[in-house]
Amino acid sequence: MDFAFSAEQDDLRRETRAFLEANPAPTDAQLAELGWVGALSSGELTFLDAAVLFEELGRVHYDGPWVETEIGDDRTQLLAAYALQAVGIGAKAVELAVAYAGEREQFGKKIGTYQAISHPLVDAYVAVELARSLAYWAAWSVAEGDEQTVVACAAANAQATEAAVRACETSIQVHGGIGFTWEHPLHRYYKRALWLEGALGYGREQRAEIAASLLR
């Protein structure tokens, strides 16, 4: 596998992030105006192009129907799409925790200087970045019709959804009391991560599928 996002896909990511930061809950009409509706089925977007959108939608906690509408009932592609959304959620949760740990002070020091805070954050970051690699492999495999697509998507989904849940739980703990409140967005990311984790089968089920494929 020789993979990297193209310059056009990097531009798409920047444009998508800017749009979603201004419109975190886009309507179907807005998505249609952007040309996203029907873009996969028409071939206007490849699955790698869509992978950028899936990940960025995860970052803003999008829970609308666009992903499922575009993909339909293709379970393998949904595994990849949910993995990419989970990567976006996990990355955002880690970012929120890092920012808070760099501002909040206790006993005269930033709380991020304490190992009880920094080490779990590093573990969450590593888990999310491993998930990112697997999710990109899955997206590439779908786009290329690779023979390992089923294994790639199952592996990505198992790792990414679990990493997103872990990142959210770690971020909530880092934030302390505020992390548990309705006023803070973390509870929404956490609930979405939990939904993604179980939507198409938990990690243990994906691992069983991978084992069955490897041990044929």
N, C-alpha and C. Protein backbone atom coordinates (compact mmCIF):
# COMPACT_ATOMS: atom_id res chain seq x y z
N MET A 1 0.85 -1.20 0.00
CA MET A 1 0.00 0.00 0.00
C MET A 1 0.88 1.24 0.00
N ASP A 2 0.67 2.10 -1.00
CA ASP A 2 1.38 3.38 -1.09
C ASP A 2 0.31 4.46 -1.11
N PHE A 3 0.14 5.14 0.02
CA PHE A 3 -1.00 6.03 0.15
C PHE A 3 -0.62 7.37 0.75
N ALA A 4 -1.19 8.42 0.21
CA ALA A 4 -1.14 9.76 0.81
C ALA A 4 -2.31 10.55 0.21
N PHE A 5 -2.88 11.43 1.01
CA PHE A 5 -3.93 12.28 0.47
C PHE A 5 -3.33 13.24 -0.56
N SER A 6 -4.10 13.52 -1.59
CA SER A 6 -3.65 14.44 -2.63
C SER A 6 -3.78 15.88 -2.15
N ALA A 7 -3.17 16.80 -2.90
CA ALA A 7 -3.28 18.22 -2.56
C ALA A 7 -4.75 18.66 -2.61
N GLU A 8 -5.51 18.10 -3.58
CA GLU A 8 -6.92 18.45 -3.68
C GLU A 8 -7.70 17.96 -2.46
N GLN A 9 -7.35 16.79 -1.97
CA GLN A 9 -8.04 16.26 -0.79
C GLN A 9 -7.66 17.04 0.47
N ASP A 10 -6.41 17.51 0.53
CA ASP A 10 -6.01 18.38 1.65
C ASP A 10 -6.78 19.70 1.61
N ASP A 11 -6.97 20.23 0.40
CA ASP A 11 -7.77 21.46 0.26
C ASP A 11 -9.22 21.19 0.67
N LEU A 12 -9.74 20.02 0.28
CA LEU A 12 -11.10 19.65 0.65
C LEU A 12 -11.24 19.58 2.17
N ARG A 13 -10.23 19.07 2.85
CA ARG A 13 -10.27 18.99 4.31
C ARG A 13 -10.32 20.39 4.93
N ARG A 14 -9.47 21.29 4.44
CA ARG A 14 -9.45 22.65 4.98
C ARG A 14 -10.79 23.35 4.75
N GLU A 15 -11.33 23.21 3.55
CA GLU A 15 -12.60 23.85 3.24
C GLU A 15 -13.74 23.25 4.06
N THR A 16 -13.72 21.93 4.21
CA THR A 16 -14.76 21.26 4.98
C THR A 16 -14.71 21.65 6.44
N ARG A 17 -13.50 21.70 7.00
CA ARG A 17 -13.36 22.07 8.41
C ARG A 17 -13.85 23.49 8.64
N ALA A 18 -13.49 24.40 7.75
CA ALA A 18 -13.93 25.80 7.89
C ALA A 18 -15.46 25.89 7.82
N PHE A 19 -16.05 25.16 6.88
CA PHE A 19 -17.51 25.18 6.75
C PHE A 19 -18.19 24.61 7.99
N LEU A 20 -17.68 23.46 8.48
CA LEU A 20 -18.33 22.79 9.61
C LEU A 20 -18.10 23.54 10.92
N GLU A 21 -17.01 24.26 11.04
CA GLU A 21 -16.82 25.08 12.24
C GLU A 21 -17.86 26.19 12.29
N ALA A 22 -18.23 26.69 11.12
CA ALA A 22 -19.26 27.74 11.06
C ALA A 22 -20.66 27.15 11.07
N ASN A 23 -20.78 25.88 10.62
CA ASN A 23 -22.10 25.22 10.54
C ASN A 23 -21.98 23.80 11.08
N PRO A 24 -21.85 23.63 12.39
CA PRO A 24 -21.62 22.29 12.96
C PRO A 24 -22.78 21.32 12.80
N ALA A 25 -23.96 21.82 12.50
CA ALA A 25 -25.12 20.96 12.28
C ALA A 25 -25.73 21.29 10.92
N PRO A 26 -25.04 20.98 9.84
CA PRO A 26 -25.51 21.38 8.51
C PRO A 26 -26.82 20.69 8.14
N THR A 27 -27.66 21.42 7.45
CA THR A 27 -28.92 20.87 6.97
C THR A 27 -28.69 20.10 5.67
N ASP A 28 -29.68 19.31 5.29
CA ASP A 28 -29.59 18.59 4.02
C ASP A 28 -29.46 19.56 2.86
N ALA A 29 -30.14 20.70 2.98
CA ALA A 29 -30.08 21.69 1.91
C ALA A 29 -28.66 22.26 1.77
N GLN A 30 -28.02 22.50 2.90
CA GLN A 30 -26.65 23.01 2.86
C GLN A 30 -25.70 21.97 2.26
N LEU A 31 -25.89 20.71 2.63
CA LEU A 31 -25.04 19.65 2.08
C LEU A 31 -25.26 19.49 0.58
N ALA A 32 -26.51 19.65 0.16
CA ALA A 32 -26.81 19.57 -1.27
C ALA A 32 -26.15 20.73 -2.02
N GLU A 33 -26.17 21.91 -1.40
CA GLU A 33 -25.55 23.08 -2.03
C GLU A 33 -24.04 22.88 -2.18
N LEU A 34 -23.44 22.16 -1.23
CA LEU A 34 -22.01 21.86 -1.32
C LEU A 34 -21.70 20.80 -2.36
N GLY A 35 -22.73 20.11 -2.82
CA GLY A 35 -22.51 19.05 -3.79
C GLY A 35 -22.23 17.70 -3.17
N TRP A 36 -22.53 17.56 -1.87
CA TRP A 36 -22.25 16.30 -1.19
C TRP A 36 -23.33 15.25 -1.43
N VAL A 37 -24.56 15.67 -1.59
CA VAL A 37 -25.67 14.73 -1.71
C VAL A 37 -25.58 13.97 -3.03
N GLY A 38 -25.51 12.65 -2.93
CA GLY A 38 -25.40 11.81 -4.12
C GLY A 38 -24.03 11.80 -4.75
N ALA A 39 -23.05 12.42 -4.09
CA ALA A 39 -21.73 12.56 -4.69
C ALA A 39 -20.98 11.23 -4.78
N LEU A 40 -21.21 10.34 -3.83
CA LEU A 40 -20.54 9.04 -3.89
C LEU A 40 -21.12 8.17 -4.99
N SER A 41 -22.43 8.09 -5.04
CA SER A 41 -23.07 7.22 -6.03
C SER A 41 -22.85 7.73 -7.45
N SER A 42 -22.73 9.04 -7.60
CA SER A 42 -22.52 9.61 -8.93
C SER A 42 -21.07 9.55 -9.38
N GLY A 43 -20.17 9.29 -8.43
CA GLY A 43 -18.75 9.25 -8.77
C GLY A 43 -18.06 10.60 -8.67
N GLU A 44 -18.80 11.63 -8.26
CA GLU A 44 -18.17 12.94 -8.11
C GLU A 44 -17.15 12.93 -6.98
N LEU A 45 -17.39 12.09 -5.97
CA LEU A 45 -16.43 11.91 -4.89
C LEU A 45 -16.00 10.45 -4.85
N THR A 46 -14.71 10.20 -4.71
CA THR A 46 -14.25 8.85 -4.46
C THR A 46 -14.42 8.56 -2.97
N PHE A 47 -14.24 7.31 -2.58
CA PHE A 47 -14.38 7.00 -1.16
C PHE A 47 -13.28 7.67 -0.35
N LEU A 48 -12.12 7.90 -0.95
CA LEU A 48 -11.06 8.63 -0.24
C LEU A 48 -11.44 10.09 -0.05
N ASP A 49 -12.09 10.68 -1.04
CA ASP A 49 -12.60 12.04 -0.86
C ASP A 49 -13.61 12.07 0.29
N ALA A 50 -14.52 11.10 0.25
CA ALA A 50 -15.55 11.03 1.29
C ALA A 50 -14.95 10.78 2.66
N ALA A 51 -13.82 10.06 2.69
CA ALA A 51 -13.16 9.79 3.98
C ALA A 51 -12.81 11.08 4.70
N VAL A 52 -12.38 12.07 3.95
CA VAL A 52 -12.08 13.38 4.54
C VAL A 52 -13.34 13.97 5.18
N LEU A 53 -14.46 13.86 4.47
CA LEU A 53 -15.71 14.41 4.99
C LEU A 53 -16.18 13.65 6.22
N PHE A 54 -16.08 12.32 6.19
CA PHE A 54 -16.51 11.51 7.33
C PHE A 54 -15.75 11.90 8.60
N GLU A 55 -14.43 12.03 8.46
CA GLU A 55 -13.61 12.37 9.62
C GLU A 55 -13.95 13.76 10.16
N GLU A 56 -14.11 14.72 9.25
CA GLU A 56 -14.41 16.08 9.70
C GLU A 56 -15.81 16.16 10.31
N LEU A 57 -16.75 15.38 9.83
CA LEU A 57 -18.08 15.35 10.43
C LEU A 57 -18.01 14.81 11.86
N GLY A 58 -17.12 13.85 12.09
CA GLY A 58 -16.94 13.34 13.44
C GLY A 58 -16.44 14.42 14.38
N ARG A 59 -15.57 15.28 13.90
CA ARG A 59 -15.00 16.34 14.74
C ARG A 59 -16.05 17.32 15.25
N VAL A 60 -17.14 17.49 14.50
CA VAL A 60 -18.18 18.43 14.94
C VAL A 60 -19.41 17.71 15.49
N HIS A 61 -19.27 16.39 15.69
CA HIS A 61 -20.37 15.60 16.24
C HIS A 61 -21.61 15.68 15.36
N TYR A 62 -21.42 15.50 14.07
CA TYR A 62 -22.57 15.43 13.17
C TYR A 62 -23.29 14.10 13.37
N ASP A 63 -24.60 14.13 13.58
CA ASP A 63 -25.35 12.90 13.76
C ASP A 63 -26.56 12.83 12.83
N GLY A 64 -26.44 13.52 11.71
CA GLY A 64 -27.51 13.48 10.71
C GLY A 64 -27.41 12.24 9.84
N PRO A 65 -28.29 12.13 8.86
CA PRO A 65 -28.39 10.90 8.05
C PRO A 65 -27.50 10.85 6.81
N TRP A 66 -26.69 11.88 6.56
CA TRP A 66 -26.00 11.95 5.28
C TRP A 66 -25.11 10.74 5.02
N VAL A 67 -24.37 10.30 6.01
CA VAL A 67 -23.43 9.19 5.81
C VAL A 67 -24.18 7.93 5.40
N GLU A 68 -25.22 7.58 6.15
CA GLU A 68 -25.98 6.38 5.85
C GLU A 68 -26.71 6.49 4.51
N THR A 69 -27.19 7.69 4.19
CA THR A 69 -27.88 7.90 2.92
C THR A 69 -26.93 7.70 1.74
N GLU A 70 -25.72 8.21 1.88
CA GLU A 70 -24.74 8.09 0.80
C GLU A 70 -24.27 6.65 0.60
N ILE A 71 -24.07 5.92 1.68
CA ILE A 71 -23.49 4.58 1.59
C ILE A 71 -24.55 3.51 1.41
N GLY A 72 -25.72 3.72 1.97
CA GLY A 72 -26.76 2.69 1.88
C GLY A 72 -26.51 1.58 2.88
N ASP A 73 -26.78 0.34 2.47
CA ASP A 73 -26.68 -0.79 3.39
C ASP A 73 -25.40 -1.60 3.20
N ASP A 74 -24.38 -1.00 2.61
CA ASP A 74 -23.09 -1.68 2.44
C ASP A 74 -22.35 -1.69 3.78
N ARG A 75 -22.41 -2.81 4.49
CA ARG A 75 -21.87 -2.87 5.85
C ARG A 75 -20.37 -2.60 5.88
N THR A 76 -19.64 -3.11 4.90
CA THR A 76 -18.19 -2.92 4.88
C THR A 76 -17.84 -1.44 4.77
N GLN A 77 -18.51 -0.73 3.88
CA GLN A 77 -18.25 0.70 3.73
C GLN A 77 -18.69 1.47 4.96
N LEU A 78 -19.79 1.05 5.58
CA LEU A 78 -20.23 1.71 6.81
C LEU A 78 -19.22 1.51 7.93
N LEU A 79 -18.63 0.33 8.01
CA LEU A 79 -17.57 0.11 9.01
C LEU A 79 -16.45 1.13 8.84
N ALA A 80 -16.05 1.35 7.60
CA ALA A 80 -14.97 2.31 7.33
C ALA A 80 -15.42 3.73 7.65
N ALA A 81 -16.64 4.09 7.24
CA ALA A 81 -17.15 5.45 7.47
C ALA A 81 -17.28 5.73 8.96
N TYR A 82 -17.79 4.78 9.73
CA TYR A 82 -17.93 4.97 11.17
C TYR A 82 -16.56 5.03 11.85
N ALA A 83 -15.62 4.26 11.33
CA ALA A 83 -14.25 4.34 11.87
C ALA A 83 -13.67 5.73 11.67
N LEU A 84 -13.89 6.31 10.51
CA LEU A 84 -13.38 7.65 10.22
C LEU A 84 -14.07 8.70 11.09
N GLN A 85 -15.37 8.56 11.29
CA GLN A 85 -16.06 9.47 12.20
C GLN A 85 -15.51 9.35 13.61
N ALA A 86 -15.25 8.11 14.02
CA ALA A 86 -14.71 7.88 15.36
C ALA A 86 -13.34 8.51 15.52
N VAL A 87 -12.53 8.46 14.47
CA VAL A 87 -11.23 9.13 14.52
C VAL A 87 -11.41 10.62 14.73
N GLY A 88 -12.35 11.22 14.03
CA GLY A 88 -12.63 12.64 14.22
C GLY A 88 -13.06 12.97 15.64
N ILE A 89 -13.92 12.12 16.20
CA ILE A 89 -14.37 12.32 17.58
C ILE A 89 -13.21 12.19 18.55
N GLY A 90 -12.42 11.11 18.40
CA GLY A 90 -11.31 10.89 19.30
C GLY A 90 -10.29 12.01 19.26
N ALA A 91 -9.98 12.47 18.04
CA ALA A 91 -9.01 13.55 17.90
C ALA A 91 -9.51 14.83 18.56
N LYS A 92 -10.80 15.12 18.39
CA LYS A 92 -11.38 16.32 18.99
C LYS A 92 -11.38 16.22 20.51
N ALA A 93 -11.70 15.05 21.04
CA ALA A 93 -11.71 14.86 22.50
C ALA A 93 -10.32 15.06 23.08
N VAL A 94 -9.30 14.54 22.40
CA VAL A 94 -7.92 14.72 22.87
C VAL A 94 -7.53 16.20 22.79
N GLU A 95 -7.89 16.87 21.71
CA GLU A 95 -7.58 18.29 21.57
C GLU A 95 -8.20 19.11 22.71
N LEU A 96 -9.45 18.83 23.02
CA LEU A 96 -10.11 19.56 24.11
C LEU A 96 -9.40 19.33 25.44
N ALA A 97 -8.98 18.08 25.67
CA ALA A 97 -8.31 17.76 26.93
C ALA A 97 -6.94 18.42 27.01
N VAL A 98 -6.20 18.40 25.93
CA VAL A 98 -4.86 19.01 25.91
C VAL A 98 -4.97 20.52 26.15
N ALA A 99 -5.94 21.15 25.50
CA ALA A 99 -6.12 22.60 25.68
C ALA A 99 -6.47 22.92 27.13
N TYR A 100 -7.35 22.12 27.72
CA TYR A 100 -7.75 22.38 29.11
C TYR A 100 -6.59 22.13 30.07
N ALA A 101 -5.84 21.05 29.83
CA ALA A 101 -4.71 20.72 30.71
C ALA A 101 -3.61 21.77 30.62
N GLY A 102 -3.56 22.51 29.51
CA GLY A 102 -2.57 23.56 29.36
C GLY A 102 -2.99 24.89 29.96
N GLU A 103 -4.26 24.98 30.37
CA GLU A 103 -4.78 26.23 30.95
C GLU A 103 -5.08 26.10 32.45
N ARG A 104 -5.66 24.99 32.84
CA ARG A 104 -6.12 24.81 34.22
C ARG A 104 -4.93 24.63 35.16
N GLU A 105 -4.95 25.36 36.26
CA GLU A 105 -3.87 25.27 37.23
C GLU A 105 -4.37 24.69 38.55
N GLN A 106 -3.51 23.91 39.18
CA GLN A 106 -3.78 23.35 40.51
C GLN A 106 -2.47 23.26 41.26
N PHE A 107 -2.46 23.70 42.49
CA PHE A 107 -1.25 23.72 43.31
C PHE A 107 -0.13 24.52 42.64
N GLY A 108 -0.52 25.58 41.92
CA GLY A 108 0.46 26.47 41.31
C GLY A 108 1.07 25.98 40.02
N LYS A 109 0.54 24.89 39.46
CA LYS A 109 1.08 24.36 38.21
C LYS A 109 -0.06 24.03 37.25
N LYS A 110 0.26 24.06 35.95
CA LYS A 110 -0.70 23.58 34.97
C LYS A 110 -0.93 22.09 35.20
N ILE A 111 -2.17 21.65 35.16
CA ILE A 111 -2.44 20.26 35.49
C ILE A 111 -1.80 19.29 34.49
N GLY A 112 -1.49 19.77 33.30
CA GLY A 112 -0.85 18.92 32.32
C GLY A 112 0.56 18.50 32.70
N THR A 113 1.15 19.16 33.69
CA THR A 113 2.51 18.79 34.12
C THR A 113 2.48 17.56 35.03
N TYR A 114 1.30 17.19 35.51
CA TYR A 114 1.20 16.03 36.40
C TYR A 114 1.03 14.75 35.58
N GLN A 115 1.78 13.72 35.95
CA GLN A 115 1.74 12.47 35.19
C GLN A 115 0.37 11.81 35.20
N ALA A 116 -0.38 12.01 36.26
CA ALA A 116 -1.72 11.44 36.33
C ALA A 116 -2.64 12.00 35.25
N ILE A 117 -2.29 13.16 34.72
CA ILE A 117 -3.03 13.78 33.62
C ILE A 117 -2.35 13.49 32.28
N SER A 118 -1.05 13.72 32.21
CA SER A 118 -0.35 13.64 30.93
C SER A 118 -0.27 12.22 30.37
N HIS A 119 -0.03 11.23 31.23
CA HIS A 119 0.14 9.87 30.72
C HIS A 119 -1.14 9.29 30.10
N PRO A 120 -2.30 9.42 30.76
CA PRO A 120 -3.52 8.95 30.10
C PRO A 120 -3.82 9.69 28.79
N LEU A 121 -3.47 10.98 28.76
CA LEU A 121 -3.67 11.73 27.52
C LEU A 121 -2.80 11.19 26.39
N VAL A 122 -1.57 10.86 26.72
CA VAL A 122 -0.68 10.29 25.70
C VAL A 122 -1.22 8.95 25.22
N ASP A 123 -1.69 8.13 26.15
CA ASP A 123 -2.25 6.83 25.76
C ASP A 123 -3.45 7.00 24.84
N ALA A 124 -4.30 7.98 25.14
CA ALA A 124 -5.46 8.23 24.29
C ALA A 124 -5.03 8.72 22.91
N TYR A 125 -4.03 9.60 22.90
CA TYR A 125 -3.52 10.12 21.62
C TYR A 125 -2.95 9.00 20.75
N VAL A 126 -2.17 8.13 21.36
CA VAL A 126 -1.57 7.02 20.61
C VAL A 126 -2.66 6.11 20.03
N ALA A 127 -3.68 5.83 20.83
CA ALA A 127 -4.77 4.98 20.37
C ALA A 127 -5.50 5.60 19.19
N VAL A 128 -5.73 6.91 19.24
CA VAL A 128 -6.43 7.60 18.15
C VAL A 128 -5.57 7.63 16.89
N GLU A 129 -4.27 7.85 17.04
CA GLU A 129 -3.41 7.91 15.86
C GLU A 129 -3.26 6.54 15.20
N LEU A 130 -3.23 5.46 16.00
CA LEU A 130 -3.24 4.12 15.43
C LEU A 130 -4.54 3.89 14.68
N ALA A 131 -5.63 4.34 15.28
CA ALA A 131 -6.94 4.23 14.62
C ALA A 131 -6.97 5.00 13.31
N ARG A 132 -6.34 6.16 13.29
CA ARG A 132 -6.30 6.97 12.06
C ARG A 132 -5.63 6.19 10.93
N SER A 133 -4.50 5.56 11.23
CA SER A 133 -3.78 4.79 10.21
C SER A 133 -4.66 3.66 9.67
N LEU A 134 -5.33 2.95 10.57
CA LEU A 134 -6.20 1.85 10.15
C LEU A 134 -7.40 2.37 9.36
N ALA A 135 -7.96 3.49 9.78
CA ALA A 135 -9.12 4.05 9.08
C ALA A 135 -8.74 4.50 7.67
N TYR A 136 -7.57 5.09 7.52
CA TYR A 136 -7.12 5.50 6.18
C TYR A 136 -6.84 4.27 5.30
N TRP A 137 -6.31 3.22 5.91
CA TRP A 137 -6.10 1.97 5.17
C TRP A 137 -7.46 1.44 4.69
N ALA A 138 -8.43 1.46 5.57
CA ALA A 138 -9.76 0.98 5.20
C ALA A 138 -10.34 1.81 4.06
N ALA A 139 -10.23 3.13 4.15
CA ALA A 139 -10.77 4.00 3.10
C ALA A 139 -10.07 3.75 1.78
N TRP A 140 -8.75 3.61 1.82
CA TRP A 140 -8.00 3.31 0.60
C TRP A 140 -8.42 1.98 0.02
N SER A 141 -8.61 0.98 0.88
CA SER A 141 -8.99 -0.35 0.42
C SER A 141 -10.35 -0.34 -0.28
N VAL A 142 -11.29 0.41 0.31
CA VAL A 142 -12.61 0.52 -0.32
C VAL A 142 -12.48 1.21 -1.68
N ALA A 143 -11.74 2.31 -1.72
CA ALA A 143 -11.59 3.09 -2.96
C ALA A 143 -10.93 2.28 -4.06
N GLU A 144 -9.97 1.43 -3.68
CA GLU A 144 -9.22 0.66 -4.67
C GLU A 144 -9.79 -0.72 -4.93
N GLY A 145 -10.81 -1.11 -4.17
CA GLY A 145 -11.35 -2.46 -4.32
C GLY A 145 -10.33 -3.53 -3.94
N ASP A 146 -9.53 -3.23 -2.92
CA ASP A 146 -8.46 -4.13 -2.52
C ASP A 146 -9.02 -5.43 -1.93
N GLU A 147 -8.25 -6.51 -2.08
CA GLU A 147 -8.71 -7.82 -1.60
C GLU A 147 -8.79 -7.89 -0.07
N GLN A 148 -8.12 -6.97 0.62
CA GLN A 148 -8.14 -6.96 2.07
C GLN A 148 -9.16 -5.97 2.64
N THR A 149 -10.08 -5.52 1.82
CA THR A 149 -11.03 -4.50 2.24
C THR A 149 -11.83 -4.91 3.47
N VAL A 150 -12.33 -6.13 3.48
CA VAL A 150 -13.17 -6.58 4.60
C VAL A 150 -12.38 -6.58 5.90
N VAL A 151 -11.15 -7.11 5.85
CA VAL A 151 -10.30 -7.13 7.05
C VAL A 151 -9.93 -5.71 7.47
N ALA A 152 -9.58 -4.87 6.50
CA ALA A 152 -9.17 -3.50 6.81
C ALA A 152 -10.29 -2.73 7.49
N CYS A 153 -11.51 -2.88 6.99
CA CYS A 153 -12.64 -2.13 7.56
C CYS A 153 -13.01 -2.63 8.95
N ALA A 154 -12.94 -3.94 9.15
CA ALA A 154 -13.23 -4.49 10.47
C ALA A 154 -12.17 -4.04 11.48
N ALA A 155 -10.91 -4.09 11.08
CA ALA A 155 -9.82 -3.67 11.98
C ALA A 155 -9.93 -2.20 12.33
N ALA A 156 -10.22 -1.39 11.32
CA ALA A 156 -10.33 0.05 11.55
C ALA A 156 -11.48 0.36 12.49
N ASN A 157 -12.62 -0.29 12.27
CA ASN A 157 -13.78 0.00 13.10
C ASN A 157 -13.55 -0.41 14.55
N ALA A 158 -12.95 -1.58 14.76
CA ALA A 158 -12.69 -2.05 16.12
C ALA A 158 -11.78 -1.08 16.87
N GLN A 159 -10.68 -0.71 16.23
CA GLN A 159 -9.71 0.16 16.90
C GLN A 159 -10.24 1.59 17.07
N ALA A 160 -10.85 2.11 16.02
CA ALA A 160 -11.25 3.52 16.04
C ALA A 160 -12.38 3.80 17.02
N THR A 161 -13.38 2.93 17.03
CA THR A 161 -14.51 3.20 17.93
C THR A 161 -14.09 3.05 19.39
N GLU A 162 -13.26 2.05 19.67
CA GLU A 162 -12.77 1.88 21.05
C GLU A 162 -11.86 3.05 21.45
N ALA A 163 -11.04 3.50 20.51
CA ALA A 163 -10.15 4.64 20.79
C ALA A 163 -10.95 5.91 21.04
N ALA A 164 -12.04 6.09 20.30
CA ALA A 164 -12.87 7.28 20.50
C ALA A 164 -13.52 7.28 21.87
N VAL A 165 -14.03 6.12 22.28
CA VAL A 165 -14.62 6.01 23.62
C VAL A 165 -13.57 6.29 24.68
N ARG A 166 -12.40 5.71 24.51
CA ARG A 166 -11.32 5.92 25.48
C ARG A 166 -10.92 7.38 25.54
N ALA A 167 -10.79 8.02 24.39
CA ALA A 167 -10.39 9.43 24.35
C ALA A 167 -11.43 10.31 25.05
N CYS A 168 -12.70 10.01 24.82
CA CYS A 168 -13.76 10.80 25.46
C CYS A 168 -13.75 10.61 26.97
N GLU A 169 -13.58 9.37 27.41
CA GLU A 169 -13.55 9.11 28.85
C GLU A 169 -12.35 9.79 29.51
N THR A 170 -11.21 9.72 28.83
CA THR A 170 -10.02 10.39 29.36
C THR A 170 -10.21 11.89 29.41
N SER A 171 -10.78 12.45 28.35
CA SER A 171 -10.99 13.89 28.29
C SER A 171 -11.96 14.36 29.37
N ILE A 172 -13.01 13.58 29.60
CA ILE A 172 -13.96 13.93 30.67
C ILE A 172 -13.27 13.94 32.02
N GLN A 173 -12.40 12.96 32.26
CA GLN A 173 -11.68 12.90 33.53
C GLN A 173 -10.72 14.08 33.68
N VAL A 174 -10.04 14.43 32.58
CA VAL A 174 -9.11 15.57 32.62
C VAL A 174 -9.86 16.86 32.93
N HIS A 175 -11.04 17.00 32.37
CA HIS A 175 -11.82 18.22 32.60
C HIS A 175 -12.42 18.31 34.00
N GLY A 176 -12.43 17.20 34.72
CA GLY A 176 -12.99 17.23 36.07
C GLY A 176 -14.48 17.48 36.04
N GLY A 177 -14.98 18.28 36.99
CA GLY A 177 -16.41 18.50 37.13
C GLY A 177 -17.08 19.03 35.89
N ILE A 178 -16.43 19.96 35.17
CA ILE A 178 -17.06 20.58 34.01
C ILE A 178 -17.30 19.56 32.91
N GLY A 179 -16.46 18.52 32.86
CA GLY A 179 -16.59 17.51 31.81
C GLY A 179 -17.87 16.70 31.90
N PHE A 180 -18.52 16.71 33.05
CA PHE A 180 -19.74 15.93 33.24
C PHE A 180 -21.00 16.76 33.04
N THR A 181 -20.85 18.03 32.76
CA THR A 181 -22.02 18.90 32.70
C THR A 181 -22.64 18.95 31.31
N TRP A 182 -23.92 19.32 31.26
CA TRP A 182 -24.61 19.47 29.98
C TRP A 182 -24.05 20.65 29.20
N GLU A 183 -23.47 21.62 29.90
CA GLU A 183 -22.97 22.82 29.24
C GLU A 183 -21.73 22.52 28.38
N HIS A 184 -21.01 21.45 28.72
CA HIS A 184 -19.79 21.11 27.97
C HIS A 184 -20.11 20.10 26.87
N PRO A 185 -19.49 20.24 25.71
CA PRO A 185 -19.84 19.35 24.58
C PRO A 185 -19.36 17.91 24.71
N LEU A 186 -18.48 17.62 25.69
CA LEU A 186 -17.89 16.28 25.74
C LEU A 186 -18.92 15.17 25.89
N HIS A 187 -19.99 15.41 26.61
CA HIS A 187 -20.97 14.35 26.81
C HIS A 187 -21.61 13.94 25.48
N ARG A 188 -21.73 14.89 24.56
CA ARG A 188 -22.30 14.58 23.24
C ARG A 188 -21.33 13.74 22.41
N TYR A 189 -20.06 14.10 22.45
CA TYR A 189 -19.06 13.30 21.75
C TYR A 189 -19.01 11.88 22.32
N TYR A 190 -19.10 11.79 23.64
CA TYR A 190 -19.01 10.50 24.31
C TYR A 190 -20.18 9.60 23.90
N LYS A 191 -21.38 10.16 23.90
CA LYS A 191 -22.55 9.36 23.52
C LYS A 191 -22.48 8.93 22.06
N ARG A 192 -21.98 9.80 21.21
CA ARG A 192 -21.84 9.43 19.80
C ARG A 192 -20.78 8.33 19.63
N ALA A 193 -19.68 8.44 20.38
CA ALA A 193 -18.64 7.41 20.32
C ALA A 193 -19.18 6.06 20.78
N LEU A 194 -19.98 6.07 21.85
CA LEU A 194 -20.57 4.82 22.33
C LEU A 194 -21.52 4.23 21.30
N TRP A 195 -22.27 5.10 20.61
CA TRP A 195 -23.18 4.61 19.57
C TRP A 195 -22.39 3.98 18.42
N LEU A 196 -21.35 4.66 17.98
CA LEU A 196 -20.54 4.13 16.89
C LEU A 196 -19.89 2.80 17.26
N GLU A 197 -19.49 2.68 18.54
CA GLU A 197 -18.82 1.46 18.98
C GLU A 197 -19.72 0.23 18.82
N GLY A 198 -21.01 0.40 19.06
CA GLY A 198 -21.90 -0.75 19.01
C GLY A 198 -22.76 -0.85 17.78
N ALA A 199 -22.72 0.16 16.91
CA ALA A 199 -23.66 0.23 15.78
C ALA A 199 -23.61 -0.98 14.86
N LEU A 200 -22.42 -1.44 14.54
CA LEU A 200 -22.26 -2.56 13.61
C LEU A 200 -21.57 -3.76 14.26
N GLY A 201 -21.60 -3.79 15.58
CA GLY A 201 -20.93 -4.86 16.30
C GLY A 201 -19.74 -4.32 17.05
N TYR A 202 -19.59 -4.77 18.28
CA TYR A 202 -18.47 -4.29 19.11
C TYR A 202 -17.14 -4.84 18.60
N GLY A 203 -16.05 -4.29 19.14
CA GLY A 203 -14.72 -4.67 18.69
C GLY A 203 -14.47 -6.16 18.74
N ARG A 204 -14.99 -6.83 19.76
CA ARG A 204 -14.77 -8.28 19.87
C ARG A 204 -15.37 -9.02 18.68
N GLU A 205 -16.49 -8.51 18.16
CA GLU A 205 -17.11 -9.14 16.99
C GLU A 205 -16.30 -8.88 15.73
N GLN A 206 -15.76 -7.65 15.61
CA GLN A 206 -14.91 -7.35 14.45
C GLN A 206 -13.64 -8.20 14.48
N ARG A 207 -13.08 -8.39 15.68
CA ARG A 207 -11.86 -9.19 15.80
C ARG A 207 -12.13 -10.66 15.46
N ALA A 208 -13.31 -11.12 15.81
CA ALA A 208 -13.68 -12.50 15.46
C ALA A 208 -13.75 -12.66 13.94
N GLU A 209 -14.31 -11.66 13.26
CA GLU A 209 -14.36 -11.69 11.79
C GLU A 209 -12.95 -11.68 11.19
N ILE A 210 -12.08 -10.87 11.76
CA ILE A 210 -10.70 -10.80 11.26
C ILE A 210 -10.00 -12.13 11.47
N ALA A 211 -10.18 -12.72 12.65
CA ALA A 211 -9.55 -14.01 12.94
C ALA A 211 -10.04 -15.08 11.98
N ALA A 212 -11.34 -15.09 11.72
CA ALA A 212 -11.90 -16.08 10.80
C ALA A 212 -11.33 -15.92 9.40
N SER A 213 -11.12 -14.66 8.99
CA SER A 213 -10.55 -14.41 7.67
C SER A 213 -9.09 -14.81 7.59
N LEU A 214 -8.35 -14.54 8.65
CA LEU A 214 -6.91 -14.85 8.64
C LEU A 214 -6.63 -16.34 8.76
N LEU A 215 -7.52 -17.06 9.44
CA LEU A 215 -7.24 -18.46 9.76
C LEU A 215 -7.98 -19.45 8.86
N ARG A 216 -8.45 -18.95 7.73
CA ARG A 216 -9.12 -19.85 6.78
C ARG A 216 -8.15 -20.90 6.23
